[in-house]
Amino acid sequence: RDYKISSTDDLKQLADDVNSGTNYQGVYFIVTQDITYPHKANGEDGADTENNFTAIGQGKKFQGYFDGNGKTISGIRIYMNYNKNQLLFFGPFGLFGRIGSTAEVKNVTLTDTRISSGSVGGIVGFNGGGKVTNCHVTNTVEIQGIGDVTQHGGIVGYNGYLNEEIKGIVSGCVIEAKFTNCSGMVGGIAGSNDGILENNFVIGAT
């Protein structure tokens, strides 16, 4: 069965399901229109610590197919306070927190987004052997480091593997994001990579 994603409510439902243990292996999701999250204006009281989005795959892995269909997802705000005793809540974060070896996330454009945490990827925080292809993180996206456990990448925070034969692939992606207060493992495409990176472009990231 295929599912259409057309609203913030649809993305919330997907996140709730995955974070509750439904991995959606073999299931196809397609974004059918631009999706915008309302948020506070820059400089407004509380804007720097706003949290209006739950990453898809916090502690659990998404194992399905997610096709952004060239549509834009914007306005996401994730802010996590640093707590050494709660590293699960410290990351990884992104549009997706974790994806597994059967997952593919493709054709997503991310704009007007700010993610503040210790382990961040604009599209995927932790890629455990899946594919991230043809995604674009624009220059209106800001990735902010918090604390001293750091893995920050414009597309993926960590690009890893299931085993030697099944490695995470990031291909055909473009990154223009702004990195703030990031240290440790930082990269335009991936903060840390044990998988495959191919045909990606970093354009003017700061």
N, C-alpha and C. Protein backbone atom coordinates (compact mmCIF):
# COMPACT_ATOMS: atom_id res chain seq x y z
N ARG A 1 0.84 -1.20 0.00
CA ARG A 1 0.00 0.00 0.00
C ARG A 1 0.88 1.25 0.00
N ASP A 2 0.50 2.24 -0.79
CA ASP A 2 1.22 3.51 -0.84
C ASP A 2 0.46 4.56 -0.03
N TYR A 3 1.23 5.48 0.56
CA TYR A 3 0.63 6.54 1.36
C TYR A 3 1.07 7.91 0.82
N LYS A 4 0.11 8.85 0.79
CA LYS A 4 0.41 10.20 0.36
C LYS A 4 0.61 11.08 1.59
N ILE A 5 1.66 11.92 1.52
CA ILE A 5 1.97 12.86 2.59
C ILE A 5 1.70 14.26 2.06
N SER A 6 0.74 14.97 2.70
CA SER A 6 0.37 16.28 2.16
C SER A 6 0.25 17.36 3.23
N SER A 7 0.58 17.04 4.49
CA SER A 7 0.39 18.01 5.56
C SER A 7 1.32 17.72 6.73
N THR A 8 1.42 18.68 7.63
CA THR A 8 2.20 18.48 8.85
C THR A 8 1.59 17.35 9.68
N ASP A 9 0.28 17.21 9.64
CA ASP A 9 -0.38 16.12 10.39
C ASP A 9 0.05 14.75 9.85
N ASP A 10 0.20 14.65 8.52
CA ASP A 10 0.64 13.39 7.93
C ASP A 10 2.06 13.04 8.37
N LEU A 11 2.94 14.04 8.40
CA LEU A 11 4.32 13.78 8.85
C LEU A 11 4.35 13.43 10.33
N LYS A 12 3.51 14.07 11.12
CA LYS A 12 3.44 13.75 12.55
C LYS A 12 2.97 12.31 12.74
N GLN A 13 1.98 11.89 11.97
CA GLN A 13 1.49 10.52 12.10
C GLN A 13 2.57 9.51 11.74
N LEU A 14 3.33 9.82 10.67
CA LEU A 14 4.42 8.94 10.28
C LEU A 14 5.46 8.85 11.39
N ALA A 15 5.82 9.99 11.97
CA ALA A 15 6.80 10.00 13.06
C ALA A 15 6.27 9.22 14.27
N ASP A 16 5.01 9.44 14.61
CA ASP A 16 4.42 8.73 15.76
C ASP A 16 4.46 7.23 15.54
N ASP A 17 4.12 6.79 14.33
CA ASP A 17 4.09 5.36 14.03
C ASP A 17 5.49 4.74 14.11
N VAL A 18 6.44 5.39 13.45
CA VAL A 18 7.81 4.85 13.44
C VAL A 18 8.40 4.86 14.84
N ASN A 19 8.19 5.94 15.56
CA ASN A 19 8.76 6.05 16.89
C ASN A 19 8.10 5.10 17.89
N SER A 20 6.95 4.55 17.50
CA SER A 20 6.27 3.55 18.33
C SER A 20 6.61 2.13 17.90
N GLY A 21 7.41 1.99 16.82
CA GLY A 21 7.89 0.66 16.45
C GLY A 21 7.44 0.14 15.11
N THR A 22 6.63 0.89 14.35
CA THR A 22 6.23 0.46 13.00
C THR A 22 7.29 0.93 12.01
N ASN A 23 8.07 0.00 11.44
CA ASN A 23 9.20 0.44 10.61
C ASN A 23 8.82 0.70 9.15
N TYR A 24 7.65 0.24 8.72
CA TYR A 24 7.13 0.46 7.37
C TYR A 24 8.05 -0.11 6.28
N GLN A 25 8.71 -1.20 6.56
CA GLN A 25 9.55 -1.83 5.54
C GLN A 25 8.69 -2.21 4.33
N GLY A 26 9.17 -1.81 3.14
CA GLY A 26 8.48 -2.12 1.91
C GLY A 26 7.33 -1.19 1.57
N VAL A 27 7.03 -0.22 2.43
CA VAL A 27 5.92 0.70 2.21
C VAL A 27 6.43 2.00 1.59
N TYR A 28 5.68 2.54 0.66
CA TYR A 28 6.09 3.72 -0.12
C TYR A 28 5.27 4.93 0.31
N PHE A 29 5.98 6.02 0.64
CA PHE A 29 5.35 7.29 0.97
C PHE A 29 5.77 8.32 -0.07
N ILE A 30 4.82 9.14 -0.52
CA ILE A 30 5.15 10.20 -1.47
C ILE A 30 4.54 11.52 -1.00
N VAL A 31 5.35 12.58 -1.04
CA VAL A 31 4.88 13.92 -0.67
C VAL A 31 4.18 14.52 -1.88
N THR A 32 2.96 14.98 -1.69
CA THR A 32 2.16 15.44 -2.83
C THR A 32 2.05 16.95 -2.93
N GLN A 33 2.50 17.68 -1.90
CA GLN A 33 2.50 19.14 -1.97
C GLN A 33 3.50 19.69 -0.96
N ASP A 34 3.89 20.96 -1.17
CA ASP A 34 4.81 21.60 -0.22
C ASP A 34 4.19 21.60 1.18
N ILE A 35 5.05 21.41 2.19
CA ILE A 35 4.59 21.35 3.58
C ILE A 35 5.37 22.37 4.38
N THR A 36 4.66 23.24 5.10
CA THR A 36 5.31 24.30 5.88
C THR A 36 4.85 24.24 7.33
N TYR A 37 5.83 24.25 8.24
CA TYR A 37 5.54 24.29 9.67
C TYR A 37 5.54 25.75 10.13
N PRO A 38 4.50 26.18 10.82
CA PRO A 38 4.52 27.54 11.39
C PRO A 38 5.55 27.62 12.51
N HIS A 39 6.19 28.77 12.62
CA HIS A 39 7.20 28.95 13.66
C HIS A 39 7.33 30.42 14.02
N LYS A 40 8.00 30.68 15.12
CA LYS A 40 8.21 32.05 15.55
C LYS A 40 9.20 32.75 14.64
N ALA A 41 9.06 34.05 14.53
CA ALA A 41 9.98 34.84 13.71
C ALA A 41 11.31 34.98 14.44
N ASN A 42 12.40 35.08 13.66
CA ASN A 42 13.72 35.29 14.25
C ASN A 42 13.71 36.53 15.13
N GLY A 43 14.26 36.40 16.32
CA GLY A 43 14.28 37.51 17.25
C GLY A 43 13.10 37.54 18.19
N GLU A 44 12.05 36.83 17.85
CA GLU A 44 10.88 36.76 18.72
C GLU A 44 11.22 35.95 19.97
N ASP A 45 10.61 36.28 21.07
CA ASP A 45 10.88 35.60 22.33
C ASP A 45 10.64 34.10 22.19
N GLY A 46 11.67 33.30 22.51
CA GLY A 46 11.56 31.85 22.42
C GLY A 46 11.88 31.25 21.07
N ALA A 47 12.20 32.08 20.09
CA ALA A 47 12.44 31.56 18.74
C ALA A 47 13.68 30.67 18.69
N ASP A 48 14.70 30.98 19.50
CA ASP A 48 15.96 30.23 19.44
C ASP A 48 15.86 28.86 20.09
N THR A 49 14.81 28.63 20.86
CA THR A 49 14.66 27.33 21.54
C THR A 49 13.35 26.65 21.14
N GLU A 50 12.80 27.03 20.02
CA GLU A 50 11.52 26.46 19.58
C GLU A 50 11.69 25.01 19.13
N ASN A 51 10.68 24.20 19.39
CA ASN A 51 10.69 22.79 19.02
C ASN A 51 9.30 22.43 18.49
N ASN A 52 9.14 22.41 17.17
CA ASN A 52 7.82 22.17 16.59
C ASN A 52 7.74 20.88 15.78
N PHE A 53 8.77 20.04 15.86
CA PHE A 53 8.82 18.86 14.99
C PHE A 53 9.45 17.69 15.73
N THR A 54 8.90 16.51 15.53
CA THR A 54 9.47 15.28 16.05
C THR A 54 10.09 14.50 14.90
N ALA A 55 11.39 14.21 14.98
CA ALA A 55 12.07 13.50 13.90
C ALA A 55 11.44 12.11 13.69
N ILE A 56 11.41 11.69 12.44
CA ILE A 56 10.87 10.37 12.08
C ILE A 56 11.96 9.34 12.37
N GLY A 57 11.80 8.57 13.43
CA GLY A 57 12.82 7.60 13.80
C GLY A 57 13.69 8.06 14.95
N GLN A 58 13.08 8.29 16.10
CA GLN A 58 13.83 8.61 17.31
C GLN A 58 13.93 7.33 18.15
N GLY A 59 15.08 6.70 18.13
CA GLY A 59 15.26 5.44 18.83
C GLY A 59 14.86 4.24 18.01
N LYS A 60 14.01 4.43 17.01
CA LYS A 60 13.60 3.37 16.08
C LYS A 60 14.05 3.76 14.67
N LYS A 61 14.08 2.77 13.77
CA LYS A 61 14.52 3.04 12.39
C LYS A 61 13.35 2.97 11.41
N PHE A 62 13.29 3.97 10.55
CA PHE A 62 12.38 3.92 9.40
C PHE A 62 13.01 3.02 8.34
N GLN A 63 12.22 2.07 7.81
CA GLN A 63 12.74 1.10 6.85
C GLN A 63 12.01 1.14 5.51
N GLY A 64 11.18 2.16 5.29
CA GLY A 64 10.40 2.22 4.07
C GLY A 64 11.02 3.12 3.02
N TYR A 65 10.17 3.56 2.07
CA TYR A 65 10.58 4.46 1.00
C TYR A 65 9.85 5.79 1.18
N PHE A 66 10.62 6.87 1.16
CA PHE A 66 10.04 8.19 1.32
C PHE A 66 10.48 9.05 0.14
N ASP A 67 9.53 9.39 -0.72
CA ASP A 67 9.81 10.17 -1.93
C ASP A 67 9.29 11.59 -1.73
N GLY A 68 10.21 12.54 -1.61
CA GLY A 68 9.81 13.94 -1.46
C GLY A 68 9.20 14.52 -2.70
N ASN A 69 9.38 13.83 -3.85
CA ASN A 69 8.69 14.21 -5.08
C ASN A 69 9.02 15.63 -5.54
N GLY A 70 10.19 16.14 -5.11
CA GLY A 70 10.58 17.49 -5.50
C GLY A 70 9.87 18.58 -4.73
N LYS A 71 9.04 18.22 -3.79
CA LYS A 71 8.32 19.21 -2.98
C LYS A 71 9.23 19.74 -1.87
N THR A 72 8.82 20.84 -1.28
CA THR A 72 9.62 21.50 -0.25
C THR A 72 9.00 21.29 1.13
N ILE A 73 9.84 20.90 2.08
CA ILE A 73 9.43 20.83 3.48
C ILE A 73 10.17 21.94 4.21
N SER A 74 9.44 22.82 4.88
CA SER A 74 10.07 24.01 5.47
C SER A 74 9.49 24.32 6.84
N GLY A 75 10.23 25.15 7.57
CA GLY A 75 9.77 25.66 8.86
C GLY A 75 10.06 24.77 10.04
N ILE A 76 10.77 23.67 9.86
CA ILE A 76 11.05 22.75 10.96
C ILE A 76 11.97 23.41 11.98
N ARG A 77 11.63 23.24 13.24
CA ARG A 77 12.48 23.70 14.34
C ARG A 77 12.64 22.54 15.34
N ILE A 78 13.89 22.15 15.57
CA ILE A 78 14.19 21.14 16.59
C ILE A 78 15.23 21.74 17.53
N TYR A 79 14.92 21.76 18.81
CA TYR A 79 15.88 22.25 19.79
C TYR A 79 15.92 21.27 20.94
N MET A 80 17.10 20.70 21.21
CA MET A 80 17.25 19.74 22.30
C MET A 80 18.29 20.24 23.28
N ASN A 81 17.90 20.36 24.54
CA ASN A 81 18.85 20.74 25.59
C ASN A 81 19.89 19.64 25.76
N TYR A 82 21.11 20.01 26.03
CA TYR A 82 22.19 19.05 26.21
C TYR A 82 22.06 18.37 27.56
N ASN A 83 22.02 17.04 27.54
CA ASN A 83 21.94 16.26 28.77
C ASN A 83 22.72 14.98 28.57
N LYS A 84 23.88 14.88 29.21
CA LYS A 84 24.74 13.71 29.03
C LYS A 84 24.06 12.42 29.46
N ASN A 85 23.09 12.53 30.34
CA ASN A 85 22.41 11.34 30.85
C ASN A 85 21.23 10.91 29.98
N GLN A 86 20.93 11.66 28.94
CA GLN A 86 19.82 11.34 28.06
C GLN A 86 20.25 11.48 26.61
N LEU A 87 21.27 10.72 26.22
CA LEU A 87 21.83 10.88 24.89
C LEU A 87 20.83 10.49 23.81
N LEU A 88 19.87 9.61 24.11
CA LEU A 88 18.85 9.26 23.13
C LEU A 88 18.12 10.51 22.67
N PHE A 89 17.88 11.42 23.61
CA PHE A 89 17.16 12.64 23.29
C PHE A 89 18.09 13.74 22.79
N PHE A 90 19.35 13.40 22.68
CA PHE A 90 20.34 14.35 22.21
C PHE A 90 20.64 14.13 20.73
N GLY A 91 20.12 13.06 20.18
CA GLY A 91 20.33 12.81 18.77
C GLY A 91 20.28 11.33 18.48
N PRO A 92 20.35 10.96 17.21
CA PRO A 92 20.48 11.86 16.07
C PRO A 92 19.14 12.47 15.64
N PHE A 93 19.22 13.66 15.07
CA PHE A 93 18.02 14.36 14.61
C PHE A 93 18.19 14.85 13.19
N GLY A 94 17.07 15.08 12.56
CA GLY A 94 16.97 15.58 11.20
C GLY A 94 15.51 15.44 10.82
N LEU A 95 15.20 15.56 9.53
CA LEU A 95 13.85 15.21 9.10
C LEU A 95 13.58 13.77 9.54
N PHE A 96 14.57 12.90 9.33
CA PHE A 96 14.57 11.54 9.87
C PHE A 96 15.67 11.43 10.92
N GLY A 97 15.35 10.81 12.05
CA GLY A 97 16.38 10.55 13.04
C GLY A 97 17.25 9.39 12.61
N ARG A 98 16.61 8.23 12.41
CA ARG A 98 17.33 7.01 12.01
C ARG A 98 16.61 6.32 10.86
N ILE A 99 17.39 5.85 9.87
CA ILE A 99 16.84 4.98 8.85
C ILE A 99 17.69 3.71 8.79
N GLY A 100 17.06 2.60 8.36
CA GLY A 100 17.74 1.32 8.30
C GLY A 100 18.11 0.91 6.90
N SER A 101 18.56 -0.32 6.77
CA SER A 101 19.19 -0.80 5.53
C SER A 101 18.23 -0.95 4.36
N THR A 102 16.92 -1.06 4.61
CA THR A 102 15.97 -1.18 3.50
C THR A 102 15.33 0.16 3.15
N ALA A 103 15.72 1.21 3.83
CA ALA A 103 15.09 2.52 3.63
C ALA A 103 15.72 3.29 2.48
N GLU A 104 14.89 4.11 1.85
CA GLU A 104 15.39 5.09 0.88
C GLU A 104 14.62 6.38 1.08
N VAL A 105 15.37 7.49 1.20
CA VAL A 105 14.79 8.82 1.29
C VAL A 105 15.31 9.60 0.10
N LYS A 106 14.42 10.11 -0.73
CA LYS A 106 14.88 10.74 -1.97
C LYS A 106 14.02 11.95 -2.33
N ASN A 107 14.61 12.81 -3.15
CA ASN A 107 13.89 13.93 -3.77
C ASN A 107 13.27 14.89 -2.76
N VAL A 108 13.94 15.07 -1.61
CA VAL A 108 13.45 15.98 -0.58
C VAL A 108 14.21 17.31 -0.67
N THR A 109 13.48 18.41 -0.62
CA THR A 109 14.09 19.73 -0.49
C THR A 109 13.72 20.30 0.87
N LEU A 110 14.74 20.64 1.66
CA LEU A 110 14.53 21.16 3.01
C LEU A 110 14.93 22.63 3.04
N THR A 111 14.01 23.49 3.49
CA THR A 111 14.28 24.92 3.57
C THR A 111 13.83 25.46 4.92
N ASP A 112 14.27 26.69 5.23
CA ASP A 112 13.83 27.43 6.41
C ASP A 112 13.73 26.52 7.63
N THR A 113 14.84 25.89 7.98
CA THR A 113 14.85 24.90 9.05
C THR A 113 16.01 25.18 9.99
N ARG A 114 15.80 24.94 11.30
CA ARG A 114 16.89 25.03 12.26
C ARG A 114 16.84 23.81 13.18
N ILE A 115 17.95 23.08 13.23
CA ILE A 115 18.04 21.89 14.07
C ILE A 115 19.23 22.07 15.01
N SER A 116 18.95 22.04 16.31
CA SER A 116 19.98 22.25 17.32
C SER A 116 20.09 21.00 18.18
N SER A 117 21.20 20.29 18.07
CA SER A 117 21.41 19.08 18.86
C SER A 117 22.86 18.66 18.72
N GLY A 118 23.20 17.53 19.35
CA GLY A 118 24.57 17.05 19.32
C GLY A 118 24.90 16.21 18.12
N SER A 119 23.88 15.59 17.51
CA SER A 119 24.10 14.77 16.33
C SER A 119 22.99 15.09 15.34
N VAL A 120 23.37 15.69 14.21
CA VAL A 120 22.37 16.23 13.29
C VAL A 120 22.75 15.94 11.84
N GLY A 121 21.76 15.55 11.06
CA GLY A 121 21.85 15.57 9.60
C GLY A 121 20.61 16.28 9.09
N GLY A 122 20.76 17.14 8.12
CA GLY A 122 19.59 17.87 7.64
C GLY A 122 18.46 16.94 7.22
N ILE A 123 18.80 15.89 6.48
CA ILE A 123 17.80 14.93 6.02
C ILE A 123 17.71 13.74 6.96
N VAL A 124 18.86 13.15 7.32
CA VAL A 124 18.88 11.95 8.17
C VAL A 124 19.98 12.09 9.22
N GLY A 125 19.63 11.88 10.47
CA GLY A 125 20.65 11.94 11.51
C GLY A 125 21.59 10.75 11.47
N PHE A 126 21.02 9.53 11.34
CA PHE A 126 21.82 8.30 11.36
C PHE A 126 21.33 7.39 10.24
N ASN A 127 22.20 7.12 9.29
CA ASN A 127 21.87 6.22 8.18
C ASN A 127 22.54 4.88 8.40
N GLY A 128 21.73 3.87 8.77
CA GLY A 128 22.26 2.56 9.06
C GLY A 128 22.20 1.61 7.88
N GLY A 129 22.72 2.05 6.73
CA GLY A 129 22.79 1.18 5.57
C GLY A 129 21.77 1.47 4.49
N GLY A 130 20.97 2.52 4.65
CA GLY A 130 19.97 2.87 3.64
C GLY A 130 20.51 3.81 2.58
N LYS A 131 19.58 4.38 1.79
CA LYS A 131 19.95 5.27 0.70
C LYS A 131 19.31 6.64 0.90
N VAL A 132 20.12 7.67 0.66
CA VAL A 132 19.62 9.05 0.65
C VAL A 132 20.05 9.64 -0.69
N THR A 133 19.08 9.94 -1.55
CA THR A 133 19.42 10.33 -2.91
C THR A 133 18.66 11.58 -3.35
N ASN A 134 19.35 12.40 -4.12
CA ASN A 134 18.76 13.57 -4.79
C ASN A 134 18.02 14.49 -3.82
N CYS A 135 18.63 14.74 -2.66
CA CYS A 135 18.04 15.66 -1.69
C CYS A 135 18.79 16.97 -1.69
N HIS A 136 18.11 18.04 -1.31
CA HIS A 136 18.68 19.38 -1.34
C HIS A 136 18.40 20.08 -0.01
N VAL A 137 19.46 20.47 0.68
CA VAL A 137 19.35 21.25 1.90
C VAL A 137 19.82 22.66 1.57
N THR A 138 18.91 23.62 1.61
CA THR A 138 19.19 24.95 1.07
C THR A 138 19.92 25.85 2.06
N ASN A 139 20.23 27.06 1.61
CA ASN A 139 20.99 28.00 2.43
C ASN A 139 20.14 28.68 3.50
N THR A 140 18.87 28.32 3.61
CA THR A 140 18.03 28.83 4.69
C THR A 140 17.91 27.79 5.81
N VAL A 141 18.74 26.77 5.76
CA VAL A 141 18.77 25.74 6.80
C VAL A 141 19.98 25.98 7.70
N GLU A 142 19.76 25.93 9.01
CA GLU A 142 20.85 26.12 9.97
C GLU A 142 20.96 24.89 10.86
N ILE A 143 22.18 24.37 10.95
CA ILE A 143 22.47 23.23 11.81
C ILE A 143 23.33 23.74 12.97
N GLN A 144 22.81 23.60 14.18
CA GLN A 144 23.49 24.15 15.35
C GLN A 144 23.99 23.03 16.26
N GLY A 145 25.25 23.15 16.69
CA GLY A 145 25.81 22.19 17.62
C GLY A 145 25.51 22.57 19.05
N ILE A 146 25.27 21.55 19.88
CA ILE A 146 25.06 21.75 21.33
C ILE A 146 25.88 20.69 22.05
N GLY A 147 26.63 21.10 23.08
CA GLY A 147 27.36 20.14 23.89
C GLY A 147 28.64 19.65 23.23
N ASP A 148 29.17 18.53 23.75
CA ASP A 148 30.47 18.06 23.29
C ASP A 148 30.41 16.70 22.60
N VAL A 149 29.21 16.21 22.27
CA VAL A 149 29.05 14.99 21.49
C VAL A 149 28.55 15.41 20.13
N THR A 150 29.44 15.43 19.14
CA THR A 150 29.08 16.11 17.91
C THR A 150 29.29 15.26 16.67
N GLN A 151 28.28 15.22 15.83
CA GLN A 151 28.31 14.60 14.52
C GLN A 151 27.33 15.37 13.66
N HIS A 152 27.84 16.28 12.86
CA HIS A 152 26.96 17.17 12.12
C HIS A 152 27.27 17.11 10.62
N GLY A 153 26.24 16.87 9.82
CA GLY A 153 26.39 16.85 8.38
C GLY A 153 25.19 17.51 7.73
N GLY A 154 25.42 18.12 6.58
CA GLY A 154 24.33 18.80 5.89
C GLY A 154 23.24 17.87 5.43
N ILE A 155 23.62 16.68 4.97
CA ILE A 155 22.64 15.68 4.54
C ILE A 155 22.44 14.62 5.61
N VAL A 156 23.51 13.98 6.07
CA VAL A 156 23.42 12.97 7.13
C VAL A 156 24.45 13.28 8.21
N GLY A 157 24.06 13.02 9.47
CA GLY A 157 25.03 13.18 10.55
C GLY A 157 26.05 12.06 10.50
N TYR A 158 25.56 10.81 10.42
CA TYR A 158 26.44 9.64 10.30
C TYR A 158 25.93 8.76 9.19
N ASN A 159 26.80 8.45 8.23
CA ASN A 159 26.48 7.55 7.13
C ASN A 159 27.19 6.23 7.39
N GLY A 160 26.43 5.21 7.82
CA GLY A 160 27.04 3.97 8.28
C GLY A 160 26.67 2.76 7.46
N TYR A 161 26.58 1.62 8.11
CA TYR A 161 26.41 0.36 7.40
C TYR A 161 25.66 -0.64 8.25
N LEU A 162 25.08 -1.65 7.59
CA LEU A 162 24.53 -2.81 8.28
C LEU A 162 25.60 -3.87 8.41
N ASN A 163 26.34 -4.09 7.33
CA ASN A 163 27.48 -4.99 7.31
C ASN A 163 28.38 -4.57 6.16
N GLU A 164 29.42 -5.35 5.87
CA GLU A 164 30.38 -4.96 4.84
C GLU A 164 29.74 -4.89 3.45
N GLU A 165 28.67 -5.67 3.24
CA GLU A 165 28.02 -5.69 1.94
C GLU A 165 26.94 -4.61 1.81
N ILE A 166 26.36 -4.21 2.91
CA ILE A 166 25.28 -3.24 2.88
C ILE A 166 25.71 -1.98 3.61
N LYS A 167 26.07 -0.97 2.82
CA LYS A 167 26.56 0.28 3.38
C LYS A 167 25.61 1.42 3.02
N GLY A 168 25.56 2.41 3.89
CA GLY A 168 24.75 3.59 3.61
C GLY A 168 25.27 4.33 2.40
N ILE A 169 24.36 4.81 1.57
CA ILE A 169 24.72 5.53 0.34
C ILE A 169 24.07 6.91 0.37
N VAL A 170 24.86 7.93 0.14
CA VAL A 170 24.35 9.29 -0.06
C VAL A 170 24.79 9.72 -1.45
N SER A 171 23.81 9.96 -2.32
CA SER A 171 24.14 10.17 -3.73
C SER A 171 23.29 11.29 -4.33
N GLY A 172 23.94 12.13 -5.14
CA GLY A 172 23.23 13.16 -5.90
C GLY A 172 22.62 14.25 -5.06
N CYS A 173 23.17 14.51 -3.87
CA CYS A 173 22.59 15.50 -2.96
C CYS A 173 23.36 16.83 -3.04
N VAL A 174 22.67 17.90 -2.68
CA VAL A 174 23.26 19.24 -2.69
C VAL A 174 23.03 19.89 -1.33
N ILE A 175 24.09 20.50 -0.79
CA ILE A 175 24.01 21.12 0.52
C ILE A 175 24.51 22.57 0.45
N GLU A 176 23.73 23.49 1.03
CA GLU A 176 24.12 24.90 1.10
C GLU A 176 23.97 25.46 2.51
N ALA A 177 23.78 24.61 3.50
CA ALA A 177 23.35 25.03 4.83
C ALA A 177 24.41 25.83 5.59
N LYS A 178 23.95 26.43 6.68
CA LYS A 178 24.81 27.15 7.61
C LYS A 178 25.03 26.29 8.84
N PHE A 179 26.30 26.15 9.26
CA PHE A 179 26.65 25.40 10.47
C PHE A 179 27.06 26.39 11.56
N THR A 180 26.49 26.23 12.75
CA THR A 180 26.77 27.14 13.85
C THR A 180 27.20 26.35 15.09
N ASN A 181 28.33 26.73 15.70
CA ASN A 181 28.79 26.14 16.95
C ASN A 181 29.01 24.63 16.83
N CYS A 182 29.39 24.19 15.63
CA CYS A 182 29.63 22.76 15.41
C CYS A 182 31.12 22.46 15.56
N SER A 183 31.43 21.39 16.27
CA SER A 183 32.82 20.97 16.43
C SER A 183 32.87 19.46 16.36
N GLY A 184 34.07 18.88 16.48
CA GLY A 184 34.18 17.43 16.40
C GLY A 184 34.07 16.94 14.98
N MET A 185 33.10 16.04 14.71
CA MET A 185 32.94 15.45 13.39
C MET A 185 31.90 16.25 12.60
N VAL A 186 32.38 17.04 11.64
CA VAL A 186 31.52 17.93 10.87
C VAL A 186 31.87 17.79 9.40
N GLY A 187 30.85 17.69 8.54
CA GLY A 187 31.10 17.63 7.11
C GLY A 187 29.93 18.19 6.33
N GLY A 188 30.22 18.73 5.17
CA GLY A 188 29.15 19.30 4.35
C GLY A 188 28.08 18.28 4.03
N ILE A 189 28.48 17.09 3.58
CA ILE A 189 27.53 16.04 3.25
C ILE A 189 27.27 15.16 4.46
N ALA A 190 28.32 14.65 5.09
CA ALA A 190 28.19 13.76 6.26
C ALA A 190 29.16 14.19 7.34
N GLY A 191 28.69 14.19 8.59
CA GLY A 191 29.60 14.49 9.68
C GLY A 191 30.62 13.39 9.87
N SER A 192 30.18 12.15 9.72
CA SER A 192 31.05 10.99 9.82
C SER A 192 30.57 9.96 8.81
N ASN A 193 31.51 9.30 8.13
CA ASN A 193 31.13 8.41 7.03
C ASN A 193 31.86 7.07 7.08
N ASP A 194 31.08 5.98 7.15
CA ASP A 194 31.60 4.63 6.97
C ASP A 194 30.90 3.95 5.80
N GLY A 195 30.19 4.74 5.01
CA GLY A 195 29.46 4.20 3.87
C GLY A 195 29.99 4.72 2.56
N ILE A 196 29.09 5.10 1.67
CA ILE A 196 29.46 5.53 0.31
C ILE A 196 28.86 6.91 0.06
N LEU A 197 29.70 7.84 -0.38
CA LEU A 197 29.27 9.16 -0.82
C LEU A 197 29.62 9.31 -2.28
N GLU A 198 28.65 9.69 -3.12
CA GLU A 198 28.94 9.80 -4.55
C GLU A 198 28.11 10.90 -5.21
N ASN A 199 28.78 11.68 -6.05
CA ASN A 199 28.13 12.68 -6.87
C ASN A 199 27.32 13.69 -6.06
N ASN A 200 27.88 14.10 -4.93
CA ASN A 200 27.23 15.13 -4.09
C ASN A 200 27.96 16.45 -4.25
N PHE A 201 27.26 17.55 -3.92
CA PHE A 201 27.85 18.87 -4.07
C PHE A 201 27.61 19.71 -2.83
N VAL A 202 28.68 20.36 -2.36
CA VAL A 202 28.58 21.33 -1.30
C VAL A 202 28.76 22.70 -1.93
N ILE A 203 27.74 23.55 -1.82
CA ILE A 203 27.76 24.84 -2.52
C ILE A 203 27.60 25.94 -1.49
N GLY A 204 28.65 26.62 -1.16
CA GLY A 204 28.54 27.81 -0.33
C GLY A 204 28.12 27.57 1.10
N ALA A 205 28.26 26.36 1.61
CA ALA A 205 27.95 26.12 3.03
C ALA A 205 28.90 26.92 3.91
N THR A 206 28.38 27.41 5.04
CA THR A 206 29.20 28.25 5.92
C THR A 206 29.22 27.66 7.32
